Amino acid sequence: MTDNLEKLSQIVISGKIEENIDFIKQQIPEIENMIGFDHRHPHHHLDVWKHTLEVVKNINSQDLELKMAALLHDIGKPFSYQDEEVRHFHGHPEVSSQMSEDILRRLRYNENFIRNVCYLVRTHDTIIDLQNLDNSYKMVMKRLELQYADAKAHAPSKVGKRIEVLDGISQKLKRKSEEERQI
């Protein structure tokens, strides 16, 4: 790992992104587009960048894949919005995933890391289908953790219902895992 890659990874894991913003923007200049970009949507009370910082902060583990996915999950929003009565971001997970892949390749992360981060970014807004899990249990649980972190960074008046849905999915995933271990 290069010194810059190691430094970037340590900053992301530690969550000290704001304190190192100049270095972060040198490594990932695409972040500049997120700063001050208004969601203009009732489910969001922060701009895209501040929302992203909250999502990173809401990740409790020191897992680099998860923290990096949190950092990059909405990087495509400034490039995939539709201004209507309320601003929407249809397709932003796919745009963010493609941008994440380009960024992580440029930075020379390994293929497995890139694949996992892009999976998390691409699926961060998609409800987990318990009948059709699309990845390993470990990755689905990381996805759930990212979805919790993202939900908690939304407008406080809009968080409750989303957390309830995620709690239900979490309980069902845990039961499913326990049942599979008994077989």
N, C-alpha and C. Protein backbone atom coordinates (compact mmCIF):
# COMPACT_ATOMS: atom_id res chain seq x y z
N MET A 1 0.85 -1.18 0.00
CA MET A 1 0.00 0.00 0.00
C MET A 1 0.89 1.24 0.00
N THR A 2 0.55 2.19 -0.84
CA THR A 2 1.34 3.42 -0.87
C THR A 2 1.08 4.24 0.39
N ASP A 3 1.98 5.17 0.65
CA ASP A 3 1.82 6.02 1.84
C ASP A 3 0.50 6.80 1.79
N ASN A 4 0.17 7.37 0.61
CA ASN A 4 -1.08 8.13 0.48
C ASN A 4 -2.29 7.25 0.69
N LEU A 5 -2.26 6.04 0.16
CA LEU A 5 -3.38 5.11 0.32
C LEU A 5 -3.52 4.71 1.78
N GLU A 6 -2.41 4.44 2.43
CA GLU A 6 -2.43 4.09 3.84
C GLU A 6 -2.97 5.25 4.68
N LYS A 7 -2.52 6.47 4.38
CA LYS A 7 -2.97 7.65 5.11
C LYS A 7 -4.47 7.87 4.89
N LEU A 8 -4.91 7.77 3.64
CA LEU A 8 -6.34 7.92 3.34
C LEU A 8 -7.16 6.88 4.09
N SER A 9 -6.72 5.64 4.06
CA SER A 9 -7.44 4.57 4.76
C SER A 9 -7.54 4.85 6.25
N GLN A 10 -6.45 5.30 6.86
CA GLN A 10 -6.46 5.59 8.30
C GLN A 10 -7.38 6.76 8.63
N ILE A 11 -7.40 7.77 7.77
CA ILE A 11 -8.29 8.92 7.99
C ILE A 11 -9.74 8.49 7.92
N VAL A 12 -10.07 7.68 6.91
CA VAL A 12 -11.45 7.22 6.74
C VAL A 12 -11.87 6.34 7.92
N ILE A 13 -11.01 5.41 8.32
CA ILE A 13 -11.33 4.54 9.46
C ILE A 13 -11.53 5.37 10.73
N SER A 14 -10.68 6.35 10.96
CA SER A 14 -10.76 7.16 12.18
C SER A 14 -11.95 8.13 12.15
N GLY A 15 -12.46 8.40 10.95
CA GLY A 15 -13.55 9.37 10.83
C GLY A 15 -13.10 10.81 10.91
N LYS A 16 -11.78 11.05 10.87
CA LYS A 16 -11.25 12.41 10.99
C LYS A 16 -11.15 13.07 9.60
N ILE A 17 -12.25 13.06 8.91
CA ILE A 17 -12.29 13.53 7.53
C ILE A 17 -12.24 15.05 7.47
N GLU A 18 -13.03 15.71 8.27
CA GLU A 18 -13.05 17.18 8.27
C GLU A 18 -11.69 17.76 8.61
N GLU A 19 -11.00 17.14 9.58
CA GLU A 19 -9.69 17.62 10.00
C GLU A 19 -8.64 17.44 8.90
N ASN A 20 -8.92 16.58 7.94
CA ASN A 20 -7.98 16.27 6.87
C ASN A 20 -8.59 16.53 5.49
N ILE A 21 -9.50 17.48 5.42
CA ILE A 21 -10.26 17.68 4.19
C ILE A 21 -9.37 18.04 2.99
N ASP A 22 -8.33 18.78 3.18
CA ASP A 22 -7.46 19.14 2.04
C ASP A 22 -6.81 17.89 1.45
N PHE A 23 -6.32 17.01 2.32
CA PHE A 23 -5.72 15.76 1.84
C PHE A 23 -6.79 14.89 1.16
N ILE A 24 -7.96 14.80 1.78
CA ILE A 24 -9.05 13.99 1.20
C ILE A 24 -9.39 14.50 -0.19
N LYS A 25 -9.52 15.81 -0.35
CA LYS A 25 -9.87 16.37 -1.66
C LYS A 25 -8.74 16.18 -2.67
N GLN A 26 -7.50 16.11 -2.23
CA GLN A 26 -6.40 15.80 -3.15
C GLN A 26 -6.53 14.38 -3.69
N GLN A 27 -6.92 13.46 -2.81
CA GLN A 27 -7.04 12.05 -3.19
C GLN A 27 -8.35 11.77 -3.93
N ILE A 28 -9.41 12.43 -3.51
CA ILE A 28 -10.75 12.21 -4.09
C ILE A 28 -11.34 13.57 -4.43
N PRO A 29 -10.87 14.20 -5.51
CA PRO A 29 -11.35 15.55 -5.84
C PRO A 29 -12.85 15.60 -6.15
N GLU A 30 -13.45 14.47 -6.48
CA GLU A 30 -14.89 14.43 -6.76
C GLU A 30 -15.72 14.84 -5.54
N ILE A 31 -15.14 14.76 -4.36
CA ILE A 31 -15.85 15.15 -3.14
C ILE A 31 -16.23 16.63 -3.16
N GLU A 32 -15.43 17.43 -3.82
CA GLU A 32 -15.68 18.88 -3.89
C GLU A 32 -17.12 19.17 -4.36
N ASN A 33 -17.64 18.34 -5.26
CA ASN A 33 -19.00 18.56 -5.79
C ASN A 33 -20.08 18.32 -4.74
N MET A 34 -19.78 17.58 -3.70
CA MET A 34 -20.76 17.28 -2.65
C MET A 34 -20.88 18.43 -1.65
N ILE A 35 -19.79 19.16 -1.47
CA ILE A 35 -19.74 20.19 -0.44
C ILE A 35 -20.67 21.33 -0.81
N GLY A 36 -21.63 21.58 0.07
CA GLY A 36 -22.61 22.64 -0.14
C GLY A 36 -23.73 22.29 -1.13
N PHE A 37 -23.74 21.06 -1.67
CA PHE A 37 -24.79 20.68 -2.62
C PHE A 37 -26.07 20.36 -1.84
N ASP A 38 -27.07 21.21 -2.03
CA ASP A 38 -28.32 21.15 -1.28
C ASP A 38 -29.20 20.00 -1.76
N HIS A 39 -29.68 19.20 -0.82
CA HIS A 39 -30.61 18.12 -1.17
C HIS A 39 -31.95 18.66 -1.65
N ARG A 40 -32.37 19.78 -1.08
CA ARG A 40 -33.70 20.35 -1.37
C ARG A 40 -34.79 19.28 -1.35
N HIS A 41 -34.79 18.53 -0.28
CA HIS A 41 -35.74 17.43 -0.12
C HIS A 41 -36.13 17.34 1.35
N PRO A 42 -37.41 17.13 1.66
CA PRO A 42 -37.85 17.14 3.07
C PRO A 42 -37.25 16.03 3.94
N HIS A 43 -36.71 14.98 3.34
CA HIS A 43 -36.10 13.92 4.13
C HIS A 43 -34.66 14.24 4.52
N HIS A 44 -34.15 15.34 4.00
CA HIS A 44 -32.77 15.72 4.29
C HIS A 44 -32.73 17.13 4.88
N HIS A 45 -31.99 17.29 5.94
CA HIS A 45 -31.83 18.60 6.58
C HIS A 45 -30.40 19.12 6.42
N LEU A 46 -29.53 18.32 5.83
CA LEU A 46 -28.13 18.70 5.63
C LEU A 46 -27.79 18.67 4.15
N ASP A 47 -26.75 19.39 3.75
CA ASP A 47 -26.30 19.26 2.36
C ASP A 47 -25.67 17.87 2.18
N VAL A 48 -25.37 17.50 0.95
CA VAL A 48 -24.88 16.15 0.66
C VAL A 48 -23.60 15.84 1.44
N TRP A 49 -22.69 16.80 1.51
CA TRP A 49 -21.43 16.56 2.21
C TRP A 49 -21.64 16.37 3.71
N LYS A 50 -22.40 17.26 4.34
CA LYS A 50 -22.62 17.14 5.79
C LYS A 50 -23.38 15.87 6.12
N HIS A 51 -24.33 15.51 5.24
CA HIS A 51 -25.04 14.24 5.41
C HIS A 51 -24.04 13.08 5.36
N THR A 52 -23.14 13.11 4.40
CA THR A 52 -22.13 12.06 4.24
C THR A 52 -21.26 11.95 5.48
N LEU A 53 -20.83 13.08 6.01
CA LEU A 53 -20.01 13.06 7.23
C LEU A 53 -20.77 12.42 8.39
N GLU A 54 -22.07 12.69 8.49
CA GLU A 54 -22.90 12.08 9.54
C GLU A 54 -22.99 10.57 9.34
N VAL A 55 -23.14 10.14 8.09
CA VAL A 55 -23.22 8.70 7.81
C VAL A 55 -21.92 8.02 8.24
N VAL A 56 -20.78 8.61 7.88
CA VAL A 56 -19.49 8.04 8.29
C VAL A 56 -19.41 7.97 9.81
N LYS A 57 -19.82 9.04 10.47
CA LYS A 57 -19.79 9.09 11.93
C LYS A 57 -20.71 8.03 12.56
N ASN A 58 -21.80 7.72 11.88
CA ASN A 58 -22.77 6.75 12.40
C ASN A 58 -22.33 5.29 12.25
N ILE A 59 -21.25 5.05 11.52
CA ILE A 59 -20.70 3.69 11.40
C ILE A 59 -19.86 3.43 12.64
N ASN A 60 -20.28 2.46 13.43
CA ASN A 60 -19.61 2.20 14.70
C ASN A 60 -18.35 1.35 14.58
N SER A 61 -18.26 0.57 13.53
CA SER A 61 -17.11 -0.33 13.40
C SER A 61 -15.92 0.41 12.77
N GLN A 62 -14.78 -0.24 12.81
CA GLN A 62 -13.56 0.30 12.19
C GLN A 62 -13.31 -0.40 10.85
N ASP A 63 -14.34 -0.91 10.24
CA ASP A 63 -14.26 -1.65 8.98
C ASP A 63 -14.05 -0.67 7.82
N LEU A 64 -12.92 -0.78 7.14
CA LEU A 64 -12.58 0.17 6.07
C LEU A 64 -13.57 0.09 4.90
N GLU A 65 -14.01 -1.11 4.53
CA GLU A 65 -14.98 -1.22 3.44
C GLU A 65 -16.25 -0.44 3.77
N LEU A 66 -16.73 -0.61 4.96
CA LEU A 66 -17.96 0.04 5.39
C LEU A 66 -17.79 1.55 5.50
N LYS A 67 -16.69 1.98 6.09
CA LYS A 67 -16.43 3.43 6.22
C LYS A 67 -16.25 4.08 4.85
N MET A 68 -15.54 3.39 3.94
CA MET A 68 -15.33 3.95 2.60
C MET A 68 -16.65 4.01 1.85
N ALA A 69 -17.48 2.98 2.00
CA ALA A 69 -18.79 3.00 1.36
C ALA A 69 -19.63 4.16 1.90
N ALA A 70 -19.54 4.41 3.19
CA ALA A 70 -20.26 5.54 3.78
C ALA A 70 -19.77 6.86 3.18
N LEU A 71 -18.47 6.98 3.01
CA LEU A 71 -17.90 8.20 2.44
C LEU A 71 -18.35 8.42 1.00
N LEU A 72 -18.47 7.34 0.24
CA LEU A 72 -18.74 7.44 -1.20
C LEU A 72 -20.20 7.19 -1.58
N HIS A 73 -21.06 6.83 -0.65
CA HIS A 73 -22.41 6.36 -1.00
C HIS A 73 -23.24 7.36 -1.79
N ASP A 74 -23.04 8.63 -1.58
CA ASP A 74 -23.83 9.66 -2.29
C ASP A 74 -22.98 10.53 -3.20
N ILE A 75 -21.78 10.10 -3.55
CA ILE A 75 -20.87 10.93 -4.34
C ILE A 75 -21.45 11.25 -5.72
N GLY A 76 -22.38 10.43 -6.20
CA GLY A 76 -23.00 10.65 -7.51
C GLY A 76 -24.21 11.57 -7.48
N LYS A 77 -24.66 11.99 -6.31
CA LYS A 77 -25.87 12.83 -6.24
C LYS A 77 -25.76 14.13 -7.05
N PRO A 78 -24.63 14.84 -7.01
CA PRO A 78 -24.56 16.07 -7.80
C PRO A 78 -24.64 15.82 -9.31
N PHE A 79 -24.54 14.57 -9.72
CA PHE A 79 -24.56 14.23 -11.15
C PHE A 79 -25.80 13.44 -11.54
N SER A 80 -26.73 13.27 -10.61
CA SER A 80 -27.90 12.44 -10.92
C SER A 80 -29.17 12.96 -10.26
N TYR A 81 -29.34 14.26 -10.25
CA TYR A 81 -30.54 14.81 -9.61
C TYR A 81 -31.55 15.25 -10.67
N GLN A 82 -32.80 15.24 -10.24
CA GLN A 82 -33.90 15.72 -11.07
C GLN A 82 -34.62 16.79 -10.25
N ASP A 83 -34.64 18.01 -10.75
CA ASP A 83 -35.34 19.08 -10.07
C ASP A 83 -36.80 19.07 -10.50
N GLU A 84 -37.63 18.78 -9.52
CA GLU A 84 -39.08 18.81 -9.70
C GLU A 84 -39.58 19.70 -8.57
N GLU A 85 -40.79 19.49 -8.13
CA GLU A 85 -41.26 20.25 -6.97
C GLU A 85 -40.33 20.00 -5.78
N VAL A 86 -39.89 18.76 -5.67
CA VAL A 86 -38.89 18.35 -4.68
C VAL A 86 -37.75 17.73 -5.47
N ARG A 87 -36.52 17.99 -5.09
CA ARG A 87 -35.36 17.41 -5.79
C ARG A 87 -35.29 15.91 -5.51
N HIS A 88 -35.10 15.13 -6.57
CA HIS A 88 -34.94 13.68 -6.45
C HIS A 88 -33.59 13.27 -7.01
N PHE A 89 -33.18 12.07 -6.65
CA PHE A 89 -31.88 11.55 -7.06
C PHE A 89 -32.02 10.13 -7.59
N HIS A 90 -32.98 9.92 -8.50
CA HIS A 90 -33.20 8.60 -9.08
C HIS A 90 -31.91 8.12 -9.75
N GLY A 91 -31.51 6.90 -9.44
CA GLY A 91 -30.32 6.33 -10.06
C GLY A 91 -29.01 6.71 -9.40
N HIS A 92 -29.06 7.50 -8.34
CA HIS A 92 -27.79 7.94 -7.74
C HIS A 92 -26.96 6.79 -7.16
N PRO A 93 -27.55 5.69 -6.66
CA PRO A 93 -26.68 4.60 -6.18
C PRO A 93 -25.82 4.01 -7.28
N GLU A 94 -26.37 3.87 -8.49
CA GLU A 94 -25.60 3.32 -9.60
C GLU A 94 -24.50 4.30 -10.03
N VAL A 95 -24.85 5.59 -10.10
CA VAL A 95 -23.86 6.61 -10.47
C VAL A 95 -22.76 6.65 -9.40
N SER A 96 -23.16 6.62 -8.14
CA SER A 96 -22.20 6.65 -7.04
C SER A 96 -21.31 5.41 -7.06
N SER A 97 -21.89 4.25 -7.37
CA SER A 97 -21.12 3.02 -7.44
C SER A 97 -20.08 3.08 -8.56
N GLN A 98 -20.48 3.58 -9.73
CA GLN A 98 -19.53 3.68 -10.84
C GLN A 98 -18.42 4.68 -10.52
N MET A 99 -18.79 5.81 -9.94
CA MET A 99 -17.77 6.78 -9.54
C MET A 99 -16.84 6.18 -8.49
N SER A 100 -17.40 5.43 -7.54
CA SER A 100 -16.60 4.79 -6.49
C SER A 100 -15.60 3.82 -7.10
N GLU A 101 -16.06 3.04 -8.06
CA GLU A 101 -15.16 2.10 -8.73
C GLU A 101 -14.01 2.84 -9.40
N ASP A 102 -14.33 3.91 -10.12
CA ASP A 102 -13.29 4.70 -10.79
C ASP A 102 -12.29 5.28 -9.78
N ILE A 103 -12.83 5.82 -8.69
CA ILE A 103 -11.98 6.43 -7.66
C ILE A 103 -11.08 5.38 -7.00
N LEU A 104 -11.67 4.28 -6.60
CA LEU A 104 -10.91 3.24 -5.88
C LEU A 104 -9.86 2.58 -6.77
N ARG A 105 -10.16 2.44 -8.06
CA ARG A 105 -9.15 1.92 -9.01
C ARG A 105 -8.01 2.92 -9.17
N ARG A 106 -8.37 4.18 -9.31
CA ARG A 106 -7.34 5.22 -9.45
C ARG A 106 -6.42 5.23 -8.22
N LEU A 107 -7.01 5.01 -7.05
CA LEU A 107 -6.23 5.00 -5.81
C LEU A 107 -5.48 3.68 -5.59
N ARG A 108 -5.79 2.68 -6.40
CA ARG A 108 -5.12 1.37 -6.40
C ARG A 108 -5.48 0.48 -5.21
N TYR A 109 -6.76 0.54 -4.80
CA TYR A 109 -7.24 -0.44 -3.84
C TYR A 109 -7.35 -1.79 -4.56
N ASN A 110 -7.38 -2.87 -3.80
CA ASN A 110 -7.44 -4.19 -4.44
C ASN A 110 -8.86 -4.50 -4.94
N GLU A 111 -8.93 -5.47 -5.84
CA GLU A 111 -10.20 -5.79 -6.52
C GLU A 111 -11.30 -6.21 -5.57
N ASN A 112 -10.99 -7.01 -4.58
CA ASN A 112 -12.01 -7.47 -3.64
C ASN A 112 -12.58 -6.29 -2.85
N PHE A 113 -11.70 -5.40 -2.40
CA PHE A 113 -12.14 -4.20 -1.68
C PHE A 113 -13.05 -3.36 -2.57
N ILE A 114 -12.64 -3.13 -3.80
CA ILE A 114 -13.44 -2.33 -4.75
C ILE A 114 -14.81 -2.97 -4.96
N ARG A 115 -14.84 -4.27 -5.20
CA ARG A 115 -16.10 -4.98 -5.43
C ARG A 115 -17.03 -4.83 -4.22
N ASN A 116 -16.50 -5.01 -3.02
CA ASN A 116 -17.33 -4.93 -1.82
C ASN A 116 -17.84 -3.52 -1.55
N VAL A 117 -16.97 -2.53 -1.69
CA VAL A 117 -17.40 -1.14 -1.48
C VAL A 117 -18.47 -0.76 -2.51
N CYS A 118 -18.25 -1.13 -3.75
CA CYS A 118 -19.22 -0.78 -4.80
C CYS A 118 -20.55 -1.48 -4.59
N TYR A 119 -20.53 -2.72 -4.10
CA TYR A 119 -21.78 -3.42 -3.74
C TYR A 119 -22.53 -2.62 -2.68
N LEU A 120 -21.82 -2.20 -1.63
CA LEU A 120 -22.46 -1.45 -0.55
C LEU A 120 -23.02 -0.12 -1.05
N VAL A 121 -22.26 0.58 -1.86
CA VAL A 121 -22.71 1.87 -2.39
C VAL A 121 -23.94 1.66 -3.29
N ARG A 122 -23.86 0.68 -4.17
CA ARG A 122 -24.94 0.43 -5.14
C ARG A 122 -26.25 0.02 -4.46
N THR A 123 -26.15 -0.67 -3.30
CA THR A 123 -27.35 -1.21 -2.65
C THR A 123 -27.74 -0.46 -1.38
N HIS A 124 -27.11 0.68 -1.11
CA HIS A 124 -27.37 1.36 0.16
C HIS A 124 -28.81 1.85 0.31
N ASP A 125 -29.53 2.02 -0.79
CA ASP A 125 -30.93 2.48 -0.73
C ASP A 125 -31.93 1.37 -1.04
N THR A 126 -31.46 0.17 -1.30
CA THR A 126 -32.34 -0.92 -1.70
C THR A 126 -32.69 -1.77 -0.48
N ILE A 127 -33.99 -1.94 -0.26
CA ILE A 127 -34.45 -2.78 0.85
C ILE A 127 -33.90 -4.19 0.67
N ILE A 128 -33.42 -4.78 1.74
CA ILE A 128 -32.87 -6.13 1.69
C ILE A 128 -34.01 -7.13 1.54
N ASP A 129 -33.92 -7.95 0.50
CA ASP A 129 -34.91 -8.99 0.22
C ASP A 129 -34.47 -10.26 0.92
N LEU A 130 -35.15 -10.60 2.00
CA LEU A 130 -34.76 -11.75 2.81
C LEU A 130 -34.94 -13.08 2.08
N GLN A 131 -35.77 -13.10 1.05
CA GLN A 131 -35.99 -14.33 0.28
C GLN A 131 -34.95 -14.50 -0.81
N ASN A 132 -34.20 -13.44 -1.08
CA ASN A 132 -33.26 -13.48 -2.20
C ASN A 132 -32.01 -12.68 -1.84
N LEU A 133 -31.26 -13.15 -0.85
CA LEU A 133 -30.06 -12.43 -0.43
C LEU A 133 -29.05 -12.44 -1.58
N ASP A 134 -28.52 -11.28 -1.88
CA ASP A 134 -27.68 -11.12 -3.08
C ASP A 134 -26.19 -11.11 -2.79
N ASN A 135 -25.80 -11.51 -1.58
CA ASN A 135 -24.38 -11.53 -1.23
C ASN A 135 -24.22 -12.40 0.01
N SER A 136 -23.01 -12.51 0.51
CA SER A 136 -22.77 -13.28 1.72
C SER A 136 -23.49 -12.63 2.90
N TYR A 137 -23.74 -13.42 3.94
CA TYR A 137 -24.39 -12.89 5.14
C TYR A 137 -23.59 -11.72 5.70
N LYS A 138 -22.26 -11.86 5.72
CA LYS A 138 -21.39 -10.80 6.23
C LYS A 138 -21.59 -9.50 5.46
N MET A 139 -21.64 -9.58 4.13
CA MET A 139 -21.82 -8.37 3.32
C MET A 139 -23.23 -7.79 3.46
N VAL A 140 -24.22 -8.65 3.58
CA VAL A 140 -25.59 -8.16 3.77
C VAL A 140 -25.70 -7.44 5.12
N MET A 141 -25.01 -7.95 6.13
CA MET A 141 -25.01 -7.27 7.44
C MET A 141 -24.29 -5.93 7.37
N LYS A 142 -23.22 -5.85 6.59
CA LYS A 142 -22.56 -4.56 6.38
C LYS A 142 -23.51 -3.59 5.68
N ARG A 143 -24.21 -4.11 4.69
CA ARG A 143 -25.19 -3.28 3.97
C ARG A 143 -26.25 -2.75 4.93
N LEU A 144 -26.73 -3.61 5.82
CA LEU A 144 -27.72 -3.19 6.81
C LEU A 144 -27.14 -2.10 7.72
N GLU A 145 -25.89 -2.27 8.14
CA GLU A 145 -25.26 -1.25 8.99
C GLU A 145 -25.14 0.09 8.26
N LEU A 146 -24.80 0.04 6.97
CA LEU A 146 -24.74 1.27 6.18
C LEU A 146 -26.12 1.90 6.06
N GLN A 147 -27.15 1.08 5.88
CA GLN A 147 -28.51 1.61 5.76
C GLN A 147 -28.95 2.27 7.07
N TYR A 148 -28.60 1.68 8.21
CA TYR A 148 -28.89 2.30 9.51
C TYR A 148 -28.17 3.65 9.62
N ALA A 149 -26.89 3.66 9.28
CA ALA A 149 -26.10 4.89 9.39
C ALA A 149 -26.67 5.99 8.50
N ASP A 150 -27.08 5.61 7.31
CA ASP A 150 -27.67 6.56 6.37
C ASP A 150 -29.01 7.07 6.90
N ALA A 151 -29.84 6.18 7.39
CA ALA A 151 -31.15 6.57 7.91
C ALA A 151 -31.02 7.57 9.06
N LYS A 152 -30.08 7.32 9.95
CA LYS A 152 -29.90 8.20 11.11
C LYS A 152 -29.40 9.59 10.74
N ALA A 153 -28.88 9.73 9.52
CA ALA A 153 -28.38 11.04 9.08
C ALA A 153 -29.44 11.82 8.30
N HIS A 154 -30.66 11.29 8.22
CA HIS A 154 -31.76 12.00 7.55
C HIS A 154 -32.42 12.97 8.53
N ALA A 155 -33.34 13.76 8.03
CA ALA A 155 -34.06 14.72 8.86
C ALA A 155 -34.68 13.98 10.05
N PRO A 156 -34.47 14.49 11.26
CA PRO A 156 -34.94 13.79 12.47
C PRO A 156 -36.43 13.41 12.42
N SER A 157 -37.25 14.23 11.81
CA SER A 157 -38.69 13.93 11.76
C SER A 157 -39.01 12.78 10.81
N LYS A 158 -38.05 12.36 9.98
CA LYS A 158 -38.29 11.31 8.98
C LYS A 158 -37.60 10.00 9.30
N VAL A 159 -36.85 9.95 10.39
CA VAL A 159 -36.01 8.79 10.69
C VAL A 159 -36.79 7.60 11.24
N GLY A 160 -37.78 7.84 12.07
CA GLY A 160 -38.46 6.78 12.82
C GLY A 160 -38.96 5.62 11.98
N LYS A 161 -39.72 5.90 10.94
CA LYS A 161 -40.30 4.84 10.12
C LYS A 161 -39.21 4.00 9.45
N ARG A 162 -38.19 4.67 8.95
CA ARG A 162 -37.10 3.95 8.28
C ARG A 162 -36.36 3.04 9.24
N ILE A 163 -36.14 3.50 10.45
CA ILE A 163 -35.47 2.68 11.46
C ILE A 163 -36.34 1.46 11.82
N GLU A 164 -37.64 1.66 11.92
CA GLU A 164 -38.55 0.54 12.19
C GLU A 164 -38.42 -0.54 11.13
N VAL A 165 -38.39 -0.14 9.86
CA VAL A 165 -38.25 -1.10 8.76
C VAL A 165 -36.91 -1.84 8.88
N LEU A 166 -35.85 -1.10 9.14
CA LEU A 166 -34.53 -1.72 9.27
C LEU A 166 -34.47 -2.65 10.49
N ASP A 167 -35.12 -2.27 11.59
CA ASP A 167 -35.17 -3.15 12.77
C ASP A 167 -35.85 -4.47 12.43
N GLY A 168 -36.94 -4.41 11.67
CA GLY A 168 -37.65 -5.63 11.27
C GLY A 168 -36.77 -6.52 10.40
N ILE A 169 -36.05 -5.92 9.46
CA ILE A 169 -35.15 -6.68 8.60
C ILE A 169 -34.03 -7.29 9.43
N SER A 170 -33.48 -6.53 10.35
CA SER A 170 -32.40 -7.00 11.21
C SER A 170 -32.83 -8.22 12.01
N GLN A 171 -34.00 -8.14 12.62
CA GLN A 171 -34.51 -9.27 13.41
C GLN A 171 -34.70 -10.51 12.54
N LYS A 172 -35.26 -10.33 11.35
CA LYS A 172 -35.48 -11.46 10.45
C LYS A 172 -34.17 -12.06 9.96
N LEU A 173 -33.18 -11.21 9.68
CA LEU A 173 -31.87 -11.72 9.26
C LEU A 173 -31.21 -12.53 10.36
N LYS A 174 -31.31 -12.06 11.59
CA LYS A 174 -30.72 -12.79 12.72
C LYS A 174 -31.41 -14.13 12.92
N ARG A 175 -32.76 -14.14 12.81
CA ARG A 175 -33.49 -15.41 12.93
C ARG A 175 -33.10 -16.37 11.81
N LYS A 176 -33.00 -15.85 10.59
CA LYS A 176 -32.63 -16.67 9.44
C LYS A 176 -31.24 -17.28 9.65
N SER A 177 -30.32 -16.48 10.15
CA SER A 177 -28.96 -16.96 10.40
C SER A 177 -28.96 -18.05 11.47
N GLU A 178 -29.73 -17.85 12.54
CA GLU A 178 -29.81 -18.84 13.60
C GLU A 178 -30.41 -20.14 13.09
N GLU A 179 -31.46 -20.05 12.25
CA GLU A 179 -32.09 -21.25 11.69
C GLU A 179 -31.11 -22.00 10.82
N GLU A 180 -30.32 -21.30 10.01
CA GLU A 180 -29.36 -21.95 9.13
C GLU A 180 -28.23 -22.62 9.92
N ARG A 181 -27.89 -22.06 11.06
CA ARG A 181 -26.84 -22.68 11.89
C ARG A 181 -27.34 -23.96 12.54
N GLN A 182 -28.66 -24.06 12.75
CA GLN A 182 -29.23 -25.25 13.38
C GLN A 182 -29.36 -26.42 12.41
N ILE A 183 -29.31 -26.12 11.14
CA ILE A 183 -29.49 -27.18 10.13
C ILE A 183 -28.23 -27.99 9.98
